């Protein structure tokens, strides 16, 4: 059996900007530990880098890390991993929707990662954990759900 693909979530990848004109240029990939290792923006690549090609000014800039941020993983266009775009069964959306609303009412500053961590900790079955994670990610990016 194949090992499950590691998923990476980033609170920063979706808001990465061109170093030249400040246009949003979210990368398609982000390192596994990219959010927890200090990074910065420059016009030249660093020790560990992601190239950003801006469609607005047509220039290239880089997100750089001085320390290894880990292996690259795919991200969706909005910073949520592409694997979380798989539609979960309706039952999980129905279960998770009121739970998500209630949790965010009590913890309005929680991130997607915080909510998923709490939800995954509430069940033992690994398949349910994955379904709940996908349902919450889907609800998270659906405004006013």
N, C-alpha and C. Protein backbone atom coordinates (compact mmCIF):
# COMPACT_ATOMS: atom_id res chain seq x y z
N UNK A 1 0.84 -1.18 0.00
CA UNK A 1 0.00 0.00 0.00
C UNK A 1 0.89 1.24 0.00
N UNK A 2 0.54 2.22 -0.81
CA UNK A 2 1.32 3.45 -0.88
C UNK A 2 1.15 4.27 0.39
N UNK A 3 2.22 4.97 0.76
CA UNK A 3 2.13 5.87 1.91
C UNK A 3 1.25 7.06 1.53
N UNK A 4 0.48 7.58 2.48
CA UNK A 4 -0.36 8.72 2.16
C UNK A 4 0.50 9.95 1.85
N UNK A 5 0.01 10.78 0.96
CA UNK A 5 0.71 11.99 0.60
C UNK A 5 0.60 13.00 1.74
N UNK A 6 1.73 13.56 2.13
CA UNK A 6 1.71 14.60 3.15
C UNK A 6 1.06 15.84 2.57
N UNK A 7 0.23 16.47 3.32
CA UNK A 7 -0.43 17.69 2.88
C UNK A 7 0.21 18.86 3.60
N UNK A 8 0.39 19.93 2.89
CA UNK A 8 0.92 21.13 3.51
C UNK A 8 -0.12 22.22 3.42
N UNK A 9 -0.28 22.94 4.51
CA UNK A 9 -1.16 24.10 4.53
C UNK A 9 -0.29 25.29 4.85
N UNK A 10 -0.65 26.43 4.30
CA UNK A 10 0.12 27.63 4.55
C UNK A 10 -0.79 28.82 4.74
N UNK A 11 -0.52 29.57 5.80
CA UNK A 11 -1.28 30.80 5.97
C UNK A 11 -0.66 31.93 5.17
N UNK A 12 0.54 31.71 4.61
CA UNK A 12 1.25 32.75 3.89
C UNK A 12 1.27 32.59 2.37
N UNK A 13 1.21 31.36 1.88
CA UNK A 13 1.38 31.12 0.44
C UNK A 13 0.36 31.86 -0.42
N UNK A 14 -0.86 31.98 0.06
CA UNK A 14 -1.91 32.62 -0.75
C UNK A 14 -1.76 34.13 -0.83
N UNK A 15 -0.90 34.72 0.00
CA UNK A 15 -0.75 36.18 -0.01
C UNK A 15 0.66 36.62 -0.40
N UNK A 16 1.39 35.75 -1.09
CA UNK A 16 2.74 36.09 -1.56
C UNK A 16 2.61 37.10 -2.70
N UNK A 17 3.44 38.14 -2.64
CA UNK A 17 3.38 39.22 -3.63
C UNK A 17 4.67 39.33 -4.43
N UNK A 18 4.53 39.88 -5.61
CA UNK A 18 5.68 40.21 -6.45
C UNK A 18 6.54 41.24 -5.72
N UNK A 19 7.83 41.04 -5.70
CA UNK A 19 8.75 41.95 -5.03
C UNK A 19 8.90 43.27 -5.80
N UNK A 20 8.50 43.29 -7.07
CA UNK A 20 8.64 44.48 -7.90
C UNK A 20 7.41 45.38 -7.87
N UNK A 21 6.21 44.78 -7.98
CA UNK A 21 5.00 45.60 -8.11
C UNK A 21 3.93 45.32 -7.05
N UNK A 22 4.19 44.38 -6.16
CA UNK A 22 3.28 44.02 -5.06
C UNK A 22 1.98 43.34 -5.50
N UNK A 23 1.92 42.83 -6.72
CA UNK A 23 0.77 42.06 -7.18
C UNK A 23 0.81 40.68 -6.51
N UNK A 24 -0.35 40.17 -6.11
CA UNK A 24 -0.42 38.82 -5.54
C UNK A 24 0.04 37.81 -6.58
N UNK A 25 0.98 36.95 -6.17
CA UNK A 25 1.49 35.89 -7.05
C UNK A 25 1.60 34.61 -6.22
N UNK A 26 0.46 34.01 -5.84
CA UNK A 26 0.55 32.81 -5.01
C UNK A 26 1.21 31.66 -5.77
N UNK A 27 2.20 31.02 -5.17
CA UNK A 27 2.88 29.91 -5.84
C UNK A 27 1.99 28.67 -5.89
N UNK A 28 2.33 27.76 -6.79
CA UNK A 28 1.59 26.49 -6.91
C UNK A 28 2.10 25.46 -5.91
N UNK A 29 3.33 25.67 -5.41
CA UNK A 29 3.92 24.76 -4.43
C UNK A 29 4.45 25.57 -3.25
N UNK A 30 4.55 24.92 -2.10
CA UNK A 30 5.07 25.56 -0.90
C UNK A 30 5.80 24.48 -0.10
N UNK A 31 6.93 24.82 0.52
CA UNK A 31 7.65 23.80 1.29
C UNK A 31 6.86 23.34 2.52
N UNK A 32 7.09 22.12 2.90
CA UNK A 32 6.36 21.52 4.01
C UNK A 32 6.46 22.36 5.28
N UNK A 33 7.63 22.94 5.55
CA UNK A 33 7.82 23.75 6.76
C UNK A 33 8.03 25.22 6.40
N UNK A 34 7.52 25.62 5.25
CA UNK A 34 7.73 26.97 4.75
C UNK A 34 7.21 28.07 5.66
N UNK A 35 6.15 27.79 6.40
CA UNK A 35 5.60 28.81 7.30
C UNK A 35 6.38 28.91 8.61
N UNK A 36 7.07 27.84 8.99
CA UNK A 36 7.75 27.85 10.29
C UNK A 36 9.23 28.18 10.19
N UNK A 37 9.75 28.33 8.98
CA UNK A 37 11.13 28.75 8.77
C UNK A 37 11.07 30.16 8.20
N UNK A 38 11.87 31.07 8.76
CA UNK A 38 11.83 32.47 8.32
C UNK A 38 12.10 32.58 6.81
N UNK A 39 11.29 33.39 6.14
CA UNK A 39 11.47 33.61 4.71
C UNK A 39 11.38 35.10 4.40
N UNK A 40 11.84 35.46 3.23
CA UNK A 40 11.86 36.86 2.81
C UNK A 40 11.80 36.90 1.29
N UNK A 41 11.60 38.09 0.73
CA UNK A 41 11.45 38.27 -0.71
C UNK A 41 12.64 39.04 -1.26
N UNK A 42 13.17 38.58 -2.39
CA UNK A 42 14.27 39.26 -3.06
C UNK A 42 14.13 39.09 -4.56
N UNK A 43 14.99 39.80 -5.27
CA UNK A 43 14.98 39.71 -6.74
C UNK A 43 15.92 38.64 -7.26
N UNK A 44 16.70 38.02 -6.37
CA UNK A 44 17.62 36.94 -6.72
C UNK A 44 17.31 35.72 -5.86
N UNK A 45 17.55 34.51 -6.38
CA UNK A 45 17.30 33.31 -5.57
C UNK A 45 18.27 33.21 -4.40
N UNK A 46 17.79 32.60 -3.33
CA UNK A 46 18.61 32.37 -2.15
C UNK A 46 18.99 30.91 -2.04
N UNK A 47 19.38 30.48 -0.83
CA UNK A 47 19.79 29.10 -0.60
C UNK A 47 18.65 28.13 -0.92
N UNK A 48 17.44 28.48 -0.53
CA UNK A 48 16.24 27.69 -0.81
C UNK A 48 15.21 28.69 -1.32
N UNK A 49 14.66 28.46 -2.50
CA UNK A 49 13.82 29.49 -3.14
C UNK A 49 12.64 28.92 -3.90
N UNK A 50 11.66 29.79 -4.09
CA UNK A 50 10.56 29.56 -5.03
C UNK A 50 10.56 30.78 -5.95
N UNK A 51 10.56 30.54 -7.24
CA UNK A 51 10.49 31.63 -8.21
C UNK A 51 9.04 32.09 -8.35
N UNK A 52 8.85 33.39 -8.42
CA UNK A 52 7.53 33.98 -8.62
C UNK A 52 7.56 34.77 -9.92
N UNK A 53 6.81 34.33 -10.90
CA UNK A 53 6.73 35.03 -12.19
C UNK A 53 5.44 35.84 -12.21
N UNK A 54 5.58 37.14 -12.20
CA UNK A 54 4.44 38.04 -12.13
C UNK A 54 3.86 38.30 -13.52
N UNK A 55 2.59 38.01 -13.67
CA UNK A 55 1.91 38.26 -14.95
C UNK A 55 1.60 39.74 -15.14
N UNK A 56 1.65 40.51 -14.07
CA UNK A 56 1.33 41.92 -14.14
C UNK A 56 2.51 42.75 -14.66
N UNK A 57 3.67 42.62 -14.01
CA UNK A 57 4.84 43.41 -14.43
C UNK A 57 5.83 42.59 -15.27
N UNK A 58 5.55 41.29 -15.40
CA UNK A 58 6.37 40.39 -16.22
C UNK A 58 7.79 40.22 -15.68
N UNK A 59 7.98 40.41 -14.38
CA UNK A 59 9.29 40.24 -13.76
C UNK A 59 9.27 39.03 -12.84
N UNK A 60 10.46 38.54 -12.52
CA UNK A 60 10.61 37.40 -11.63
C UNK A 60 11.20 37.87 -10.31
N UNK A 61 10.62 37.39 -9.22
CA UNK A 61 11.19 37.59 -7.89
C UNK A 61 11.17 36.24 -7.18
N UNK A 62 11.65 36.21 -5.96
CA UNK A 62 11.81 34.94 -5.26
C UNK A 62 11.38 35.03 -3.81
N UNK A 63 10.78 33.94 -3.31
CA UNK A 63 10.62 33.73 -1.88
C UNK A 63 11.84 32.93 -1.49
N UNK A 64 12.59 33.41 -0.51
CA UNK A 64 13.84 32.75 -0.10
C UNK A 64 13.81 32.32 1.36
N UNK A 65 14.42 31.19 1.60
CA UNK A 65 14.65 30.69 2.96
C UNK A 65 16.15 30.46 3.10
N UNK A 66 16.74 30.86 4.22
CA UNK A 66 18.16 30.59 4.47
C UNK A 66 18.37 29.17 4.97
N UNK A 67 17.36 28.64 5.68
CA UNK A 67 17.41 27.27 6.17
C UNK A 67 16.45 26.42 5.35
N UNK A 68 16.73 25.14 5.28
CA UNK A 68 15.90 24.22 4.49
C UNK A 68 14.47 24.19 5.03
N UNK A 69 13.47 24.60 4.23
CA UNK A 69 12.08 24.58 4.68
C UNK A 69 11.37 23.26 4.40
N UNK A 70 12.11 22.26 3.95
CA UNK A 70 11.52 20.95 3.68
C UNK A 70 11.12 20.79 2.23
N UNK A 71 10.61 19.60 1.89
CA UNK A 71 10.24 19.31 0.51
C UNK A 71 9.03 20.11 0.05
N UNK A 72 8.99 20.38 -1.24
CA UNK A 72 7.87 21.12 -1.83
C UNK A 72 6.65 20.21 -1.91
N UNK A 73 5.50 20.80 -1.69
CA UNK A 73 4.22 20.11 -1.79
C UNK A 73 3.26 20.98 -2.61
N UNK A 74 2.36 20.36 -3.37
CA UNK A 74 1.41 21.17 -4.15
C UNK A 74 0.40 21.89 -3.27
N UNK A 75 0.04 23.07 -3.71
CA UNK A 75 -1.01 23.86 -3.06
C UNK A 75 -2.08 24.16 -4.09
N UNK A 76 -3.28 24.38 -3.62
CA UNK A 76 -4.32 24.86 -4.51
C UNK A 76 -4.10 26.34 -4.75
N UNK A 77 -4.90 26.93 -5.62
CA UNK A 77 -4.73 28.35 -5.94
C UNK A 77 -4.96 29.27 -4.75
N UNK A 78 -5.72 28.83 -3.75
CA UNK A 78 -5.98 29.70 -2.61
C UNK A 78 -5.18 29.32 -1.37
N UNK A 79 -4.17 28.50 -1.56
CA UNK A 79 -3.32 28.14 -0.43
C UNK A 79 -3.76 26.89 0.30
N UNK A 80 -4.91 26.36 -0.04
CA UNK A 80 -5.37 25.11 0.55
C UNK A 80 -4.87 23.99 -0.34
N UNK A 81 -4.27 22.94 0.23
CA UNK A 81 -3.71 21.87 -0.60
C UNK A 81 -4.71 21.31 -1.59
N UNK A 82 -4.23 21.02 -2.80
CA UNK A 82 -5.09 20.53 -3.87
C UNK A 82 -5.83 19.27 -3.44
N UNK A 83 -5.21 18.42 -2.63
CA UNK A 83 -5.85 17.17 -2.20
C UNK A 83 -7.11 17.44 -1.38
N UNK A 84 -7.21 18.63 -0.78
CA UNK A 84 -8.40 18.94 0.00
C UNK A 84 -9.57 19.40 -0.86
N UNK A 85 -9.34 19.55 -2.17
CA UNK A 85 -10.42 19.95 -3.06
C UNK A 85 -11.31 18.78 -3.44
N UNK A 86 -10.89 17.56 -3.13
CA UNK A 86 -11.75 16.41 -3.39
C UNK A 86 -13.02 16.60 -2.57
N UNK A 87 -14.16 16.46 -3.19
CA UNK A 87 -15.42 16.67 -2.48
C UNK A 87 -15.66 15.54 -1.48
N UNK A 88 -15.88 15.90 -0.22
CA UNK A 88 -16.23 14.87 0.76
C UNK A 88 -17.69 14.50 0.61
N UNK A 89 -18.07 13.36 1.13
CA UNK A 89 -19.48 12.98 1.08
C UNK A 89 -20.34 14.03 1.77
N UNK A 90 -21.55 14.18 1.31
CA UNK A 90 -22.49 15.18 1.84
C UNK A 90 -22.67 15.04 3.34
N UNK A 91 -22.66 13.82 3.85
CA UNK A 91 -22.88 13.61 5.28
C UNK A 91 -21.83 14.35 6.12
N UNK A 92 -20.59 14.41 5.63
CA UNK A 92 -19.55 15.08 6.39
C UNK A 92 -19.73 16.60 6.34
N UNK A 93 -20.21 17.11 5.20
CA UNK A 93 -20.49 18.54 5.11
C UNK A 93 -21.63 18.90 6.08
N UNK A 94 -22.66 18.04 6.12
CA UNK A 94 -23.80 18.27 7.00
C UNK A 94 -23.38 18.24 8.46
N UNK A 95 -22.50 17.32 8.82
CA UNK A 95 -22.02 17.20 10.20
C UNK A 95 -21.11 18.36 10.56
N UNK A 96 -20.21 18.72 9.66
CA UNK A 96 -19.17 19.70 9.97
C UNK A 96 -19.65 21.15 9.95
N UNK A 97 -20.66 21.45 9.16
CA UNK A 97 -21.10 22.85 9.00
C UNK A 97 -21.49 23.48 10.34
N UNK A 98 -22.40 22.89 11.11
CA UNK A 98 -22.75 23.52 12.40
C UNK A 98 -21.59 23.50 13.39
N UNK A 99 -20.77 22.46 13.35
CA UNK A 99 -19.61 22.38 14.25
C UNK A 99 -18.63 23.52 13.94
N UNK A 100 -18.41 23.77 12.64
CA UNK A 100 -17.48 24.83 12.24
C UNK A 100 -18.01 26.19 12.69
N UNK A 101 -19.30 26.45 12.46
CA UNK A 101 -19.90 27.72 12.89
C UNK A 101 -19.76 27.91 14.40
N UNK A 102 -20.08 26.88 15.16
CA UNK A 102 -20.01 26.95 16.62
C UNK A 102 -18.58 27.19 17.08
N UNK A 103 -17.64 26.45 16.49
CA UNK A 103 -16.24 26.61 16.89
C UNK A 103 -15.75 28.03 16.60
N UNK A 104 -16.05 28.54 15.41
CA UNK A 104 -15.57 29.88 15.04
C UNK A 104 -16.27 30.98 15.85
N UNK A 105 -17.49 30.73 16.30
CA UNK A 105 -18.17 31.70 17.16
C UNK A 105 -17.43 31.83 18.49
N UNK A 106 -16.92 30.72 18.99
CA UNK A 106 -16.19 30.73 20.26
C UNK A 106 -14.72 31.10 20.08
N UNK A 107 -14.16 30.81 18.90
CA UNK A 107 -12.73 31.02 18.63
C UNK A 107 -12.56 31.76 17.31
N UNK A 108 -12.95 33.03 17.23
CA UNK A 108 -12.97 33.73 15.95
C UNK A 108 -11.60 33.93 15.30
N UNK A 109 -10.54 33.82 16.06
CA UNK A 109 -9.20 34.03 15.50
C UNK A 109 -8.51 32.75 15.05
N UNK A 110 -9.19 31.62 15.18
CA UNK A 110 -8.60 30.35 14.77
C UNK A 110 -8.40 30.31 13.25
N UNK A 111 -7.33 29.65 12.85
CA UNK A 111 -7.04 29.46 11.44
C UNK A 111 -7.66 28.14 10.98
N UNK A 112 -7.62 27.90 9.69
CA UNK A 112 -8.09 26.62 9.14
C UNK A 112 -7.34 25.46 9.81
N UNK A 113 -6.04 25.62 9.99
CA UNK A 113 -5.24 24.55 10.61
C UNK A 113 -5.71 24.25 12.02
N UNK A 114 -6.04 25.31 12.80
CA UNK A 114 -6.52 25.12 14.17
C UNK A 114 -7.82 24.32 14.19
N UNK A 115 -8.74 24.70 13.32
CA UNK A 115 -10.05 24.04 13.27
C UNK A 115 -9.90 22.57 12.87
N UNK A 116 -9.07 22.33 11.86
CA UNK A 116 -8.87 20.94 11.40
C UNK A 116 -8.22 20.11 12.51
N UNK A 117 -7.26 20.68 13.21
CA UNK A 117 -6.59 19.93 14.29
C UNK A 117 -7.60 19.52 15.37
N UNK A 118 -8.46 20.44 15.76
CA UNK A 118 -9.49 20.13 16.76
C UNK A 118 -10.44 19.05 16.23
N UNK A 119 -10.90 19.21 15.00
CA UNK A 119 -11.85 18.25 14.43
C UNK A 119 -11.23 16.87 14.28
N UNK A 120 -10.00 16.79 13.79
CA UNK A 120 -9.36 15.48 13.62
C UNK A 120 -9.14 14.81 14.97
N UNK A 121 -8.91 15.60 16.01
CA UNK A 121 -8.70 15.03 17.34
C UNK A 121 -9.96 14.48 17.96
N UNK A 122 -11.12 14.79 17.38
CA UNK A 122 -12.38 14.35 17.96
C UNK A 122 -12.84 12.98 17.45
N UNK A 123 -12.12 12.39 16.49
CA UNK A 123 -12.48 11.06 15.97
C UNK A 123 -11.25 10.16 15.93
N UNK A 124 -11.48 8.85 15.95
CA UNK A 124 -10.38 7.89 15.94
C UNK A 124 -10.11 7.29 14.57
N UNK A 125 -11.15 7.13 13.76
CA UNK A 125 -11.03 6.47 12.46
C UNK A 125 -10.26 7.35 11.48
N UNK A 126 -9.12 6.86 10.92
CA UNK A 126 -8.32 7.66 9.99
C UNK A 126 -9.09 8.11 8.75
N UNK A 127 -10.00 7.27 8.24
CA UNK A 127 -10.80 7.66 7.08
C UNK A 127 -11.73 8.82 7.43
N UNK A 128 -12.31 8.76 8.62
CA UNK A 128 -13.19 9.85 9.05
C UNK A 128 -12.38 11.12 9.23
N UNK A 129 -11.17 11.01 9.76
CA UNK A 129 -10.31 12.19 9.94
C UNK A 129 -10.09 12.88 8.59
N UNK A 130 -9.79 12.11 7.56
CA UNK A 130 -9.55 12.68 6.24
C UNK A 130 -10.82 13.31 5.66
N UNK A 131 -11.96 12.63 5.83
CA UNK A 131 -13.23 13.15 5.31
C UNK A 131 -13.60 14.46 6.01
N UNK A 132 -13.41 14.49 7.32
CA UNK A 132 -13.72 15.70 8.09
C UNK A 132 -12.79 16.84 7.66
N UNK A 133 -11.52 16.52 7.47
CA UNK A 133 -10.56 17.54 7.04
C UNK A 133 -10.98 18.14 5.70
N UNK A 134 -11.36 17.30 4.75
CA UNK A 134 -11.78 17.80 3.43
C UNK A 134 -13.07 18.61 3.54
N UNK A 135 -14.00 18.15 4.38
CA UNK A 135 -15.27 18.88 4.54
C UNK A 135 -15.02 20.26 5.13
N UNK A 136 -14.20 20.35 6.15
CA UNK A 136 -13.92 21.64 6.78
C UNK A 136 -13.21 22.56 5.80
N UNK A 137 -12.26 22.03 5.05
CA UNK A 137 -11.55 22.86 4.06
C UNK A 137 -12.52 23.39 3.01
N UNK A 138 -13.47 22.56 2.59
CA UNK A 138 -14.44 22.99 1.59
C UNK A 138 -15.35 24.07 2.18
N UNK A 139 -15.82 23.87 3.40
CA UNK A 139 -16.68 24.86 4.04
C UNK A 139 -15.92 26.16 4.29
N UNK A 140 -14.65 26.04 4.64
CA UNK A 140 -13.81 27.21 4.96
C UNK A 140 -13.73 28.16 3.78
N UNK A 141 -13.60 27.63 2.58
CA UNK A 141 -13.42 28.50 1.43
C UNK A 141 -14.73 28.86 0.73
N UNK A 142 -15.86 28.46 1.36
CA UNK A 142 -17.17 28.82 0.82
C UNK A 142 -17.74 29.94 1.70
N UNK A 143 -17.73 31.17 1.22
CA UNK A 143 -18.22 32.29 2.03
C UNK A 143 -19.67 32.09 2.47
N UNK A 144 -19.96 32.51 3.66
CA UNK A 144 -21.32 32.47 4.23
C UNK A 144 -21.93 31.09 4.24
N UNK A 145 -21.10 30.06 4.41
CA UNK A 145 -21.67 28.70 4.42
C UNK A 145 -22.23 28.36 5.76
